[in-house]
Amino acid sequence: TPIGSRSNIKMDPETKRGIAMLAEPFGQRRFSAVVRLAIRRMLTESPVDIAELLTIRRNAQVTMVIAPVHLGDDLASQLTVCGQSLGFRPIGAAMCRQ
């Protein structure tokens, strides 16, 4: 059973493949769980500079793919706040640069 409604997360294809490989031993539906864990750790446990990650991502010149995941309401809210602080605004289930 999915946790919360679906959100669309942008990531590069290599990252998506890596997450899928990590999730594969745990079952077909574990992709969202691995993404939730990674995002939660990035937001709460690591001293990650989100603005710096955004700059690196912009400069990477990599075509991004959409990964539909179930984040849960709390984590989705945290990502929304984080995105808004970086100048993004929510549009449906996605964030769009203003």
Protein backbone atom coordinates (compact mmCIF):
# COMPACT_ATOMS: atom_id res chain seq x y z
CA THR A 1 0.00 0.00 0.00
CA PRO A 2 1.50 3.37 -1.00
CA ILE A 3 2.34 5.96 1.64
CA GLY A 4 0.57 9.21 0.70
CA SER A 5 -0.18 10.50 -2.74
CA ARG A 6 2.24 10.25 -5.64
CA SER A 7 4.83 12.97 -6.22
CA ASN A 8 6.98 13.39 -9.30
CA ILE A 9 10.68 13.75 -8.50
CA LYS A 10 13.21 14.79 -11.16
CA MET A 11 16.51 12.95 -11.22
CA ASP A 12 19.15 12.03 -13.74
CA PRO A 13 18.76 8.62 -15.40
CA GLU A 14 21.91 7.20 -13.73
CA THR A 15 20.58 8.05 -10.27
CA LYS A 16 17.21 6.49 -11.10
CA ARG A 17 18.92 3.27 -12.26
CA GLY A 18 21.07 3.20 -9.11
CA ILE A 19 18.05 3.61 -6.83
CA ALA A 20 16.19 0.90 -8.73
CA MET A 21 19.18 -1.44 -8.27
CA LEU A 22 19.29 -0.70 -4.53
CA ALA A 23 15.56 -1.33 -4.20
CA GLU A 24 15.41 -4.48 -6.36
CA PRO A 25 16.36 -7.04 -3.67
CA PHE A 26 13.55 -5.75 -1.46
CA GLY A 27 10.80 -6.05 -4.06
CA GLN A 28 9.37 -4.21 -7.00
CA ARG A 29 7.56 -1.57 -4.93
CA ARG A 30 10.54 -0.47 -2.79
CA PHE A 31 11.75 2.29 -5.14
CA SER A 32 9.68 4.90 -3.29
CA ALA A 33 10.97 3.65 0.07
CA VAL A 34 14.60 4.10 -1.01
CA VAL A 35 13.82 7.61 -2.34
CA ARG A 36 12.02 8.52 0.91
CA LEU A 37 14.97 7.33 2.96
CA ALA A 38 17.49 9.26 0.86
CA ILE A 39 15.47 12.48 0.92
CA ARG A 40 14.77 12.24 4.64
CA ARG A 41 18.46 11.71 5.37
CA MET A 42 19.43 14.57 3.08
CA LEU A 43 16.99 16.93 4.79
CA THR A 44 17.50 15.90 8.41
CA GLU A 45 20.70 13.95 9.03
CA SER A 46 23.29 15.40 6.67
CA PRO A 47 24.80 18.86 6.59
CA VAL A 48 23.83 19.12 2.91
CA ASP A 49 23.65 22.57 1.37
CA ILE A 50 20.51 22.28 -0.77
CA ALA A 51 21.29 25.49 -2.67
CA GLU A 52 24.72 24.09 -3.57
CA LEU A 53 23.13 20.85 -4.81
CA LEU A 54 20.75 22.89 -6.95
CA THR A 55 23.70 24.77 -8.53
CA ILE A 56 25.53 21.50 -9.22
CA ARG A 57 22.39 20.03 -10.80
CA ARG A 58 21.91 23.11 -13.03
CA ASN A 59 25.53 22.95 -14.22
CA ALA A 60 25.46 19.20 -14.87
CA GLN A 61 23.78 19.51 -18.29
CA VAL A 62 22.05 16.15 -17.75
CA THR A 63 18.60 15.42 -19.06
CA MET A 64 16.38 14.74 -16.08
CA VAL A 65 13.72 12.03 -15.91
CA ILE A 66 10.58 11.94 -13.81
CA ALA A 67 10.34 9.29 -11.11
CA PRO A 68 6.84 8.93 -9.62
CA VAL A 69 7.22 8.15 -5.91
CA HIS A 70 5.04 8.05 -2.81
CA LEU A 71 6.65 10.34 -0.23
CA GLY A 72 4.07 10.63 2.52
CA ASP A 73 2.52 13.89 3.66
CA ASP A 74 5.23 14.93 6.15
CA LEU A 75 8.14 14.42 3.78
CA ALA A 76 6.26 16.01 0.87
CA SER A 77 5.59 19.05 3.08
CA GLN A 78 9.27 19.28 4.04
CA LEU A 79 10.28 19.16 0.37
CA THR A 80 7.72 21.84 -0.49
CA VAL A 81 9.12 24.16 2.19
CA CYS A 82 12.67 23.45 1.03
CA GLY A 83 11.74 24.08 -2.61
CA GLN A 84 9.92 27.31 -1.79
CA SER A 85 12.96 28.57 0.12
CA LEU A 86 14.97 28.05 -3.09
CA GLY A 87 12.46 29.96 -5.22
CA PHE A 88 10.35 27.07 -6.47
CA ARG A 89 6.59 26.94 -6.26
CA PRO A 90 4.40 23.84 -6.18
CA ILE A 91 2.35 23.06 -9.28
CA GLY A 92 0.20 20.03 -8.68
CA ALA A 93 2.55 17.30 -7.50
CA ALA A 94 5.69 18.99 -8.87
CA MET A 95 7.85 22.01 -8.09
CA CYS A 96 8.46 24.64 -10.77
CA ARG A 97 11.15 27.34 -10.77
CA GLN A 98 9.67 30.85 -10.54
